[in-house]
mmCIF file of all heavy atoms, coordinates in Angstrom:
data_MODEL
# 
_entry.id   MODEL 
# 
loop_
_atom_site.group_PDB 
_atom_site.id 
_atom_site.type_symbol 
_atom_site.label_atom_id 
_atom_site.label_alt_id 
_atom_site.label_comp_id 
_atom_site.label_asym_id 
_atom_site.label_entity_id 
_atom_site.label_seq_id 
_atom_site.pdbx_PDB_ins_code 
_atom_site.Cartn_x 
_atom_site.Cartn_y 
_atom_site.Cartn_z 
_atom_site.occupancy 
_atom_site.B_iso_or_equiv 
_atom_site.pdbx_formal_charge 
_atom_site.auth_seq_id 
_atom_site.auth_comp_id 
_atom_site.auth_asym_id 
_atom_site.auth_atom_id 
_atom_site.pdbx_PDB_model_num 
ATOM 1   N N   . PHE A 1 1  ? 0.842  -1.200 -0.052  1.00 0.00 ? 1  PHE A N   1 
ATOM 2   C CA  . PHE A 1 1  ? 0.010  -0.016 0.029   1.00 0.00 ? 1  PHE A CA  1 
ATOM 3   C C   . PHE A 1 1  ? 0.867  1.198  0.042   1.00 0.00 ? 1  PHE A C   1 
ATOM 4   O O   . PHE A 1 1  ? 0.592  2.250  -0.752  1.00 0.00 ? 1  PHE A O   1 
ATOM 5   C CB  . PHE A 1 1  ? -0.914 -0.012 1.252   1.00 0.00 ? 1  PHE A CB  1 
ATOM 6   C CG  . PHE A 1 1  ? -1.777 1.192  1.380   1.00 0.00 ? 1  PHE A CG  1 
ATOM 7   C CD1 . PHE A 1 1  ? -2.974 1.299  0.667   1.00 0.00 ? 1  PHE A CD1 1 
ATOM 8   C CD2 . PHE A 1 1  ? -1.372 2.365  2.090   1.00 0.00 ? 1  PHE A CD2 1 
ATOM 9   C CE1 . PHE A 1 1  ? -3.870 2.379  0.805   1.00 0.00 ? 1  PHE A CE1 1 
ATOM 10  C CE2 . PHE A 1 1  ? -2.235 3.414  2.245   1.00 0.00 ? 1  PHE A CE2 1 
ATOM 11  C CZ  . PHE A 1 1  ? -3.457 3.408  1.579   1.00 0.00 ? 1  PHE A CZ  1 
ATOM 12  N N   . VAL A 1 2  ? 1.897  1.251  0.813   1.00 0.00 ? 2  VAL A N   1 
ATOM 13  C CA  . VAL A 1 2  ? 2.778  2.493  0.888   1.00 0.00 ? 2  VAL A CA  1 
ATOM 14  C C   . VAL A 1 2  ? 3.439  2.742  -0.404  1.00 0.00 ? 2  VAL A C   1 
ATOM 15  O O   . VAL A 1 2  ? 3.630  3.832  -0.888  1.00 0.00 ? 2  VAL A O   1 
ATOM 16  C CB  . VAL A 1 2  ? 3.800  2.296  2.048   1.00 0.00 ? 2  VAL A CB  1 
ATOM 17  C CG1 . VAL A 1 2  ? 4.806  3.415  2.065   1.00 0.00 ? 2  VAL A CG1 1 
ATOM 18  C CG2 . VAL A 1 2  ? 3.063  2.366  3.426   1.00 0.00 ? 2  VAL A CG2 1 
ATOM 19  N N   . ALA A 1 3  ? 3.931  1.606  -1.063  1.00 0.00 ? 3  ALA A N   1 
ATOM 20  C CA  . ALA A 1 3  ? 4.647  1.751  -2.328  1.00 0.00 ? 3  ALA A CA  1 
ATOM 21  C C   . ALA A 1 3  ? 3.680  2.240  -3.392  1.00 0.00 ? 3  ALA A C   1 
ATOM 22  O O   . ALA A 1 3  ? 4.026  3.214  -4.161  1.00 0.00 ? 3  ALA A O   1 
ATOM 23  C CB  . ALA A 1 3  ? 5.177  0.332  -2.722  1.00 0.00 ? 3  ALA A CB  1 
ATOM 24  N N   . ASN A 1 4  ? 2.417  1.762  -3.443  1.00 0.00 ? 4  ASN A N   1 
ATOM 25  C CA  . ASN A 1 4  ? 1.450  2.303  -4.446  1.00 0.00 ? 4  ASN A CA  1 
ATOM 26  C C   . ASN A 1 4  ? 1.012  3.743  -4.145  1.00 0.00 ? 4  ASN A C   1 
ATOM 27  O O   . ASN A 1 4  ? 0.937  4.507  -5.048  1.00 0.00 ? 4  ASN A O   1 
ATOM 28  C CB  . ASN A 1 4  ? 0.173  1.338  -4.413  1.00 0.00 ? 4  ASN A CB  1 
ATOM 29  C CG  . ASN A 1 4  ? 0.475  0.039  -5.190  1.00 0.00 ? 4  ASN A CG  1 
ATOM 30  O OD1 . ASN A 1 4  ? 1.009  0.127  -6.256  1.00 0.00 ? 4  ASN A OD1 1 
ATOM 31  N ND2 . ASN A 1 4  ? 0.101  -0.987 -4.620  1.00 0.00 ? 4  ASN A ND2 1 
ATOM 32  N N   . ALA A 1 5  ? 0.833  4.020  -2.894  1.00 0.00 ? 5  ALA A N   1 
ATOM 33  C CA  . ALA A 1 5  ? 0.458  5.391  -2.492  1.00 0.00 ? 5  ALA A CA  1 
ATOM 34  C C   . ALA A 1 5  ? 1.549  6.356  -2.854  1.00 0.00 ? 5  ALA A C   1 
ATOM 35  O O   . ALA A 1 5  ? 1.314  7.525  -3.369  1.00 0.00 ? 5  ALA A O   1 
ATOM 36  C CB  . ALA A 1 5  ? 0.112  5.449  -1.029  1.00 0.00 ? 5  ALA A CB  1 
ATOM 37  N N   . SER A 1 6  ? 2.838  5.954  -2.634  1.00 0.00 ? 6  SER A N   1 
ATOM 38  C CA  . SER A 1 6  ? 3.976  6.867  -3.011  1.00 0.00 ? 6  SER A CA  1 
ATOM 39  C C   . SER A 1 6  ? 3.990  7.097  -4.537  1.00 0.00 ? 6  SER A C   1 
ATOM 40  O O   . SER A 1 6  ? 4.207  8.213  -4.952  1.00 0.00 ? 6  SER A O   1 
ATOM 41  C CB  . SER A 1 6  ? 5.225  6.238  -2.526  1.00 0.00 ? 6  SER A CB  1 
ATOM 42  O OG  . SER A 1 6  ? 5.282  6.065  -1.105  1.00 0.00 ? 6  SER A OG  1 
ATOM 43  N N   . HIS A 1 7  ? 3.732  6.015  -5.247  1.00 0.00 ? 7  HIS A N   1 
ATOM 44  C CA  . HIS A 1 7  ? 3.740  6.152  -6.725  1.00 0.00 ? 7  HIS A CA  1 
ATOM 45  C C   . HIS A 1 7  ? 2.638  7.034  -7.148  1.00 0.00 ? 7  HIS A C   1 
ATOM 46  O O   . HIS A 1 7  ? 2.868  7.954  -8.017  1.00 0.00 ? 7  HIS A O   1 
ATOM 47  C CB  . HIS A 1 7  ? 3.624  4.781  -7.350  1.00 0.00 ? 7  HIS A CB  1 
ATOM 48  C CG  . HIS A 1 7  ? 3.459  4.837  -8.895  1.00 0.00 ? 7  HIS A CG  1 
ATOM 49  N ND1 . HIS A 1 7  ? 4.621  4.894  -9.658  1.00 0.00 ? 7  HIS A ND1 1 
ATOM 50  C CD2 . HIS A 1 7  ? 2.449  4.907  -9.674  1.00 0.00 ? 7  HIS A CD2 1 
ATOM 51  C CE1 . HIS A 1 7  ? 4.209  4.933  -10.901 1.00 0.00 ? 7  HIS A CE1 1 
ATOM 52  N NE2 . HIS A 1 7  ? 2.870  4.945  -10.937 1.00 0.00 ? 7  HIS A NE2 1 
ATOM 53  N N   . GLU A 1 8  ? 1.445  6.862  -6.631  1.00 0.00 ? 8  GLU A N   1 
ATOM 54  C CA  . GLU A 1 8  ? 0.291  7.662  -7.068  1.00 0.00 ? 8  GLU A CA  1 
ATOM 55  C C   . GLU A 1 8  ? 0.443  9.115  -6.673  1.00 0.00 ? 8  GLU A C   1 
ATOM 56  O O   . GLU A 1 8  ? 0.023  10.040 -7.420  1.00 0.00 ? 8  GLU A O   1 
ATOM 57  C CB  . GLU A 1 8  ? -1.034 7.093  -6.418  1.00 0.00 ? 8  GLU A CB  1 
ATOM 58  C CG  . GLU A 1 8  ? -1.382 5.738  -6.934  1.00 0.00 ? 8  GLU A CG  1 
ATOM 59  C CD  . GLU A 1 8  ? -1.938 5.709  -8.252  1.00 0.00 ? 8  GLU A CD  1 
ATOM 60  O OE1 . GLU A 1 8  ? -2.300 6.820  -8.791  1.00 0.00 ? 8  GLU A OE1 1 
ATOM 61  O OE2 . GLU A 1 8  ? -2.020 4.637  -8.893  1.00 0.00 ? 8  GLU A OE2 1 
ATOM 62  N N   . LEU A 1 9  ? 1.125  9.405  -5.609  1.00 0.00 ? 9  LEU A N   1 
ATOM 63  C CA  . LEU A 1 9  ? 1.332  10.808 -5.158  1.00 0.00 ? 9  LEU A CA  1 
ATOM 64  C C   . LEU A 1 9  ? 2.480  11.454 -5.952  1.00 0.00 ? 9  LEU A C   1 
ATOM 65  O O   . LEU A 1 9  ? 2.493  12.625 -6.255  1.00 0.00 ? 9  LEU A O   1 
ATOM 66  C CB  . LEU A 1 9  ? 1.547  10.939 -3.695  1.00 0.00 ? 9  LEU A CB  1 
ATOM 67  C CG  . LEU A 1 9  ? 0.321  10.631 -2.727  1.00 0.00 ? 9  LEU A CG  1 
ATOM 68  C CD1 . LEU A 1 9  ? 0.830  10.531 -1.293  1.00 0.00 ? 9  LEU A CD1 1 
ATOM 69  C CD2 . LEU A 1 9  ? -0.610 11.811 -2.869  1.00 0.00 ? 9  LEU A CD2 1 
ATOM 70  N N   . ARG A 1 10 ? 3.497  10.589 -6.254  1.00 0.00 ? 10 ARG A N   1 
ATOM 71  C CA  . ARG A 1 10 ? 4.562  11.163 -6.928  1.00 0.00 ? 10 ARG A CA  1 
ATOM 72  C C   . ARG A 1 10 ? 4.333  11.473 -8.370  1.00 0.00 ? 10 ARG A C   1 
ATOM 73  O O   . ARG A 1 10 ? 4.911  12.420 -8.990  1.00 0.00 ? 10 ARG A O   1 
ATOM 74  C CB  . ARG A 1 10 ? 5.777  10.161 -6.859  1.00 0.00 ? 10 ARG A CB  1 
ATOM 75  C CG  . ARG A 1 10 ? 7.095  10.701 -7.405  1.00 0.00 ? 10 ARG A CG  1 
ATOM 76  C CD  . ARG A 1 10 ? 8.259  9.687  -7.202  1.00 0.00 ? 10 ARG A CD  1 
ATOM 77  N NE  . ARG A 1 10 ? 8.056  8.515  -7.805  1.00 0.00 ? 10 ARG A NE  1 
ATOM 78  C CZ  . ARG A 1 10 ? 7.919  7.363  -7.094  1.00 0.00 ? 10 ARG A CZ  1 
ATOM 79  N NH1 . ARG A 1 10 ? 7.911  7.286  -5.738  1.00 0.00 ? 10 ARG A NH1 1 
ATOM 80  N NH2 . ARG A 1 10 ? 7.672  6.150  -7.679  1.00 0.00 ? 10 ARG A NH2 1 
ATOM 81  N N   . THR A 1 11 ? 3.414  10.753 -9.039  1.00 0.00 ? 11 THR A N   1 
ATOM 82  C CA  . THR A 1 11 ? 3.112  10.936 -10.425 1.00 0.00 ? 11 THR A CA  1 
ATOM 83  C C   . THR A 1 11 ? 2.620  12.302 -10.740 1.00 0.00 ? 11 THR A C   1 
ATOM 84  O O   . THR A 1 11 ? 3.106  13.007 -11.611 1.00 0.00 ? 11 THR A O   1 
ATOM 85  C CB  . THR A 1 11 ? 2.187  9.864  -10.932 1.00 0.00 ? 11 THR A CB  1 
ATOM 86  O OG1 . THR A 1 11 ? 2.779  8.585  -10.821 1.00 0.00 ? 11 THR A OG1 1 
ATOM 87  C CG2 . THR A 1 11 ? 1.858  10.036 -12.460 1.00 0.00 ? 11 THR A CG2 1 
ATOM 88  N N   . PRO A 1 12 ? 1.585  12.811 -10.098 1.00 0.00 ? 12 PRO A N   1 
ATOM 89  C CA  . PRO A 1 12 ? 1.031  14.135 -10.355 1.00 0.00 ? 12 PRO A CA  1 
ATOM 90  C C   . PRO A 1 12 ? 2.100  15.226 -9.953  1.00 0.00 ? 12 PRO A C   1 
ATOM 91  O O   . PRO A 1 12 ? 2.165  16.279 -10.631 1.00 0.00 ? 12 PRO A O   1 
ATOM 92  C CB  . PRO A 1 12 ? -0.193 14.245 -9.597  1.00 0.00 ? 12 PRO A CB  1 
ATOM 93  C CG  . PRO A 1 12 ? -0.142 13.235 -8.555  1.00 0.00 ? 12 PRO A CG  1 
ATOM 94  C CD  . PRO A 1 12 ? 0.649  12.103 -9.111  1.00 0.00 ? 12 PRO A CD  1 
ATOM 95  N N   . LEU A 1 13 ? 2.815  15.017 -8.899  1.00 0.00 ? 13 LEU A N   1 
ATOM 96  C CA  . LEU A 1 13 ? 3.957  16.021 -8.529  1.00 0.00 ? 13 LEU A CA  1 
ATOM 97  C C   . LEU A 1 13 ? 4.928  16.100 -9.666  1.00 0.00 ? 13 LEU A C   1 
ATOM 98  O O   . LEU A 1 13 ? 5.392  17.203 -10.052 1.00 0.00 ? 13 LEU A O   1 
ATOM 99  C CB  . LEU A 1 13 ? 4.560  15.565 -7.254  1.00 0.00 ? 13 LEU A CB  1 
ATOM 100 C CG  . LEU A 1 13 ? 3.761  15.755 -5.919  1.00 0.00 ? 13 LEU A CG  1 
ATOM 101 C CD1 . LEU A 1 13 ? 4.521  15.185 -4.730  1.00 0.00 ? 13 LEU A CD1 1 
ATOM 102 C CD2 . LEU A 1 13 ? 3.565  17.228 -5.732  1.00 0.00 ? 13 LEU A CD2 1 
ATOM 103 N N   . ALA A 1 14 ? 5.386  14.971 -10.151 1.00 0.00 ? 14 ALA A N   1 
ATOM 104 C CA  . ALA A 1 14 ? 6.377  15.011 -11.248 1.00 0.00 ? 14 ALA A CA  1 
ATOM 105 C C   . ALA A 1 14 ? 5.725  15.637 -12.502 1.00 0.00 ? 14 ALA A C   1 
ATOM 106 O O   . ALA A 1 14 ? 6.364  16.474 -13.175 1.00 0.00 ? 14 ALA A O   1 
ATOM 107 C CB  . ALA A 1 14 ? 6.806  13.584 -11.614 1.00 0.00 ? 14 ALA A CB  1 
ATOM 108 N N   . GLY A 1 15 ? 4.430  15.378 -12.744 1.00 0.00 ? 15 GLY A N   1 
ATOM 109 C CA  . GLY A 1 15 ? 3.781  16.043 -13.902 1.00 0.00 ? 15 GLY A CA  1 
ATOM 110 C C   . GLY A 1 15 ? 3.686  17.568 -13.706 1.00 0.00 ? 15 GLY A C   1 
ATOM 111 O O   . GLY A 1 15 ? 3.930  18.351 -14.650 1.00 0.00 ? 15 GLY A O   1 
ATOM 112 N N   . GLN A 1 16 ? 3.338  18.049 -12.559 1.00 0.00 ? 16 GLN A N   1 
ATOM 113 C CA  . GLN A 1 16 ? 3.307  19.431 -12.276 1.00 0.00 ? 16 GLN A CA  1 
ATOM 114 C C   . GLN A 1 16 ? 4.588  20.110 -12.449 1.00 0.00 ? 16 GLN A C   1 
ATOM 115 O O   . GLN A 1 16 ? 4.768  21.182 -13.045 1.00 0.00 ? 16 GLN A O   1 
ATOM 116 C CB  . GLN A 1 16 ? 2.770  19.693 -10.823 1.00 0.00 ? 16 GLN A CB  1 
ATOM 117 C CG  . GLN A 1 16 ? 1.284  19.650 -10.613 1.00 0.00 ? 16 GLN A CG  1 
ATOM 118 C CD  . GLN A 1 16 ? 0.892  19.935 -9.171  1.00 0.00 ? 16 GLN A CD  1 
ATOM 119 O OE1 . GLN A 1 16 ? 1.667  19.655 -8.192  1.00 0.00 ? 16 GLN A OE1 1 
ATOM 120 N NE2 . GLN A 1 16 ? -0.264 20.438 -8.929  1.00 0.00 ? 16 GLN A NE2 1 
ATOM 121 N N   . ARG A 1 17 ? 5.725  19.472 -11.945 1.00 0.00 ? 17 ARG A N   1 
ATOM 122 C CA  . ARG A 1 17 ? 7.041  20.031 -12.056 1.00 0.00 ? 17 ARG A CA  1 
ATOM 123 C C   . ARG A 1 17 ? 7.391  20.092 -13.550 1.00 0.00 ? 17 ARG A C   1 
ATOM 124 O O   . ARG A 1 17 ? 7.983  21.157 -14.006 1.00 0.00 ? 17 ARG A O   1 
ATOM 125 C CB  . ARG A 1 17 ? 8.027  19.223 -11.324 1.00 0.00 ? 17 ARG A CB  1 
ATOM 126 C CG  . ARG A 1 17 ? 9.416  19.800 -11.321 1.00 0.00 ? 17 ARG A CG  1 
ATOM 127 C CD  . ARG A 1 17 ? 10.323 19.093 -10.361 1.00 0.00 ? 17 ARG A CD  1 
ATOM 128 N NE  . ARG A 1 17 ? 10.506 17.638 -10.704 1.00 0.00 ? 17 ARG A NE  1 
ATOM 129 C CZ  . ARG A 1 17 ? 9.975  16.656 -9.980  1.00 0.00 ? 17 ARG A CZ  1 
ATOM 130 N NH1 . ARG A 1 17 ? 9.378  16.914 -8.892  1.00 0.00 ? 17 ARG A NH1 1 
ATOM 131 N NH2 . ARG A 1 17 ? 10.192 15.419 -10.403 1.00 0.00 ? 17 ARG A NH2 1 
ATOM 132 N N   . ALA A 1 18 ? 7.078  19.083 -14.284 1.00 0.00 ? 18 ALA A N   1 
ATOM 133 C CA  . ALA A 1 18 ? 7.453  19.055 -15.717 1.00 0.00 ? 18 ALA A CA  1 
ATOM 134 C C   . ALA A 1 18 ? 6.740  20.118 -16.514 1.00 0.00 ? 18 ALA A C   1 
ATOM 135 O O   . ALA A 1 18 ? 7.345  20.832 -17.336 1.00 0.00 ? 18 ALA A O   1 
ATOM 136 C CB  . ALA A 1 18 ? 7.187  17.737 -16.292 1.00 0.00 ? 18 ALA A CB  1 
ATOM 137 N N   . VAL A 1 19 ? 5.376  20.290 -16.222 1.00 0.00 ? 19 VAL A N   1 
ATOM 138 C CA  . VAL A 1 19 ? 4.605  21.328 -16.901 1.00 0.00 ? 19 VAL A CA  1 
ATOM 139 C C   . VAL A 1 19 ? 5.196  22.768 -16.659 1.00 0.00 ? 19 VAL A C   1 
ATOM 140 O O   . VAL A 1 19 ? 5.374  23.538 -17.520 1.00 0.00 ? 19 VAL A O   1 
ATOM 141 C CB  . VAL A 1 19 ? 3.157  21.217 -16.544 1.00 0.00 ? 19 VAL A CB  1 
ATOM 142 C CG1 . VAL A 1 19 ? 2.404  22.409 -16.974 1.00 0.00 ? 19 VAL A CG1 1 
ATOM 143 C CG2 . VAL A 1 19 ? 2.616  19.982 -17.114 1.00 0.00 ? 19 VAL A CG2 1 
ATOM 144 N N   . LEU A 1 20 ? 5.471  22.997 -15.328 1.00 0.00 ? 20 LEU A N   1 
ATOM 145 C CA  . LEU A 1 20 ? 5.989  24.303 -14.973 1.00 0.00 ? 20 LEU A CA  1 
ATOM 146 C C   . LEU A 1 20 ? 7.387  24.572 -15.469 1.00 0.00 ? 20 LEU A C   1 
ATOM 147 O O   . LEU A 1 20 ? 7.665  25.733 -15.909 1.00 0.00 ? 20 LEU A O   1 
ATOM 148 C CB  . LEU A 1 20 ? 5.961  24.477 -13.456 1.00 0.00 ? 20 LEU A CB  1 
ATOM 149 C CG  . LEU A 1 20 ? 4.498  24.403 -12.817 1.00 0.00 ? 20 LEU A CG  1 
ATOM 150 C CD1 . LEU A 1 20 ? 4.678  24.499 -11.288 1.00 0.00 ? 20 LEU A CD1 1 
ATOM 151 C CD2 . LEU A 1 20 ? 3.728  25.597 -13.316 1.00 0.00 ? 20 LEU A CD2 1 
ATOM 152 N N   . GLN A 1 21 ? 8.241  23.567 -15.547 1.00 0.00 ? 21 GLN A N   1 
ATOM 153 C CA  . GLN A 1 21 ? 9.603  23.676 -15.988 1.00 0.00 ? 21 GLN A CA  1 
ATOM 154 C C   . GLN A 1 21 ? 9.586  23.969 -17.505 1.00 0.00 ? 21 GLN A C   1 
ATOM 155 O O   . GLN A 1 21 ? 10.324 24.824 -17.973 1.00 0.00 ? 21 GLN A O   1 
ATOM 156 C CB  . GLN A 1 21 ? 10.405 22.455 -15.680 1.00 0.00 ? 21 GLN A CB  1 
ATOM 157 C CG  . GLN A 1 21 ? 10.814 22.325 -14.277 1.00 0.00 ? 21 GLN A CG  1 
ATOM 158 C CD  . GLN A 1 21 ? 11.553 21.043 -13.948 1.00 0.00 ? 21 GLN A CD  1 
ATOM 159 O OE1 . GLN A 1 21 ? 11.487 20.084 -14.766 1.00 0.00 ? 21 GLN A OE1 1 
ATOM 160 N NE2 . GLN A 1 21 ? 12.187 20.959 -12.815 1.00 0.00 ? 21 GLN A NE2 1 
ATOM 161 N N   . VAL A 1 22 ? 8.730  23.349 -18.264 1.00 0.00 ? 22 VAL A N   1 
ATOM 162 C CA  . VAL A 1 22 ? 8.581  23.623 -19.726 1.00 0.00 ? 22 VAL A CA  1 
ATOM 163 C C   . VAL A 1 22 ? 8.128  25.017 -19.950 1.00 0.00 ? 22 VAL A C   1 
ATOM 164 O O   . VAL A 1 22 ? 8.651  25.730 -20.831 1.00 0.00 ? 22 VAL A O   1 
ATOM 165 C CB  . VAL A 1 22 ? 7.685  22.449 -20.301 1.00 0.00 ? 22 VAL A CB  1 
ATOM 166 C CG1 . VAL A 1 22 ? 7.382  22.889 -21.807 1.00 0.00 ? 22 VAL A CG1 1 
ATOM 167 C CG2 . VAL A 1 22 ? 8.343  21.157 -20.334 1.00 0.00 ? 22 VAL A CG2 1 
ATOM 168 N N   . ALA A 1 23 ? 7.169  25.371 -19.180 1.00 0.00 ? 23 ALA A N   1 
ATOM 169 C CA  . ALA A 1 23 ? 6.609  26.704 -19.440 1.00 0.00 ? 23 ALA A CA  1 
ATOM 170 C C   . ALA A 1 23 ? 7.556  27.819 -19.150 1.00 0.00 ? 23 ALA A C   1 
ATOM 171 O O   . ALA A 1 23 ? 7.752  28.856 -19.840 1.00 0.00 ? 23 ALA A O   1 
ATOM 172 C CB  . ALA A 1 23 ? 5.377  26.964 -18.582 1.00 0.00 ? 23 ALA A CB  1 
ATOM 173 N N   . LEU A 1 24 ? 8.327  27.677 -18.049 1.00 0.00 ? 24 LEU A N   1 
ATOM 174 C CA  . LEU A 1 24 ? 9.387  28.647 -17.598 1.00 0.00 ? 24 LEU A CA  1 
ATOM 175 C C   . LEU A 1 24 ? 10.552 28.600 -18.473 1.00 0.00 ? 24 LEU A C   1 
ATOM 176 O O   . LEU A 1 24 ? 11.307 29.644 -18.674 1.00 0.00 ? 24 LEU A O   1 
ATOM 177 C CB  . LEU A 1 24 ? 9.785  28.373 -16.146 1.00 0.00 ? 24 LEU A CB  1 
ATOM 178 C CG  . LEU A 1 24 ? 8.669  28.595 -15.081 1.00 0.00 ? 24 LEU A CG  1 
ATOM 179 C CD1 . LEU A 1 24 ? 9.266  28.252 -13.719 1.00 0.00 ? 24 LEU A CD1 1 
ATOM 180 C CD2 . LEU A 1 24 ? 8.331  30.117 -15.089 1.00 0.00 ? 24 LEU A CD2 1 
ATOM 181 N N   . ALA A 1 25 ? 10.921 27.443 -19.141 1.00 0.00 ? 25 ALA A N   1 
ATOM 182 C CA  . ALA A 1 25 ? 12.044 27.338 -19.991 1.00 0.00 ? 25 ALA A CA  1 
ATOM 183 C C   . ALA A 1 25 ? 11.875 27.881 -21.329 1.00 0.00 ? 25 ALA A C   1 
ATOM 184 O O   . ALA A 1 25 ? 12.815 28.250 -22.089 1.00 0.00 ? 25 ALA A O   1 
ATOM 185 C CB  . ALA A 1 25 ? 12.539 25.888 -20.049 1.00 0.00 ? 25 ALA A CB  1 
ATOM 186 N N   . ASP A 1 26 ? 10.658 28.195 -21.779 1.00 0.00 ? 26 ASP A N   1 
ATOM 187 C CA  . ASP A 1 26 ? 10.350 28.769 -23.018 1.00 0.00 ? 26 ASP A CA  1 
ATOM 188 C C   . ASP A 1 26 ? 10.356 30.295 -22.941 1.00 0.00 ? 26 ASP A C   1 
ATOM 189 O O   . ASP A 1 26 ? 9.498  30.841 -22.423 1.00 0.00 ? 26 ASP A O   1 
ATOM 190 C CB  . ASP A 1 26 ? 8.884  28.270 -23.485 1.00 0.00 ? 26 ASP A CB  1 
ATOM 191 C CG  . ASP A 1 26 ? 8.641  28.669 -24.938 1.00 0.00 ? 26 ASP A CG  1 
ATOM 192 O OD1 . ASP A 1 26 ? 9.522  29.287 -25.620 1.00 0.00 ? 26 ASP A OD1 1 
ATOM 193 O OD2 . ASP A 1 26 ? 7.494  28.433 -25.358 1.00 0.00 ? 26 ASP A OD2 1 
ATOM 194 N N   . PRO A 1 27 ? 11.395 30.887 -23.539 1.00 0.00 ? 27 PRO A N   1 
ATOM 195 C CA  . PRO A 1 27 ? 11.556 32.322 -23.454 1.00 0.00 ? 27 PRO A CA  1 
ATOM 196 C C   . PRO A 1 27 ? 10.435 33.035 -24.249 1.00 0.00 ? 27 PRO A C   1 
ATOM 197 O O   . PRO A 1 27 ? 10.180 34.272 -23.982 1.00 0.00 ? 27 PRO A O   1 
ATOM 198 C CB  . PRO A 1 27 ? 12.908 32.656 -24.037 1.00 0.00 ? 27 PRO A CB  1 
ATOM 199 C CG  . PRO A 1 27 ? 13.230 31.445 -24.896 1.00 0.00 ? 27 PRO A CG  1 
ATOM 200 C CD  . PRO A 1 27 ? 12.478 30.326 -24.293 1.00 0.00 ? 27 PRO A CD  1 
# 
């Protein structure tokens, strides 16, 4: 359960970071 919960919580966090990084990296 802990492993699955960590994966489920980490996936949207990584997605958020990727979306914001791409937006900020585009001049």
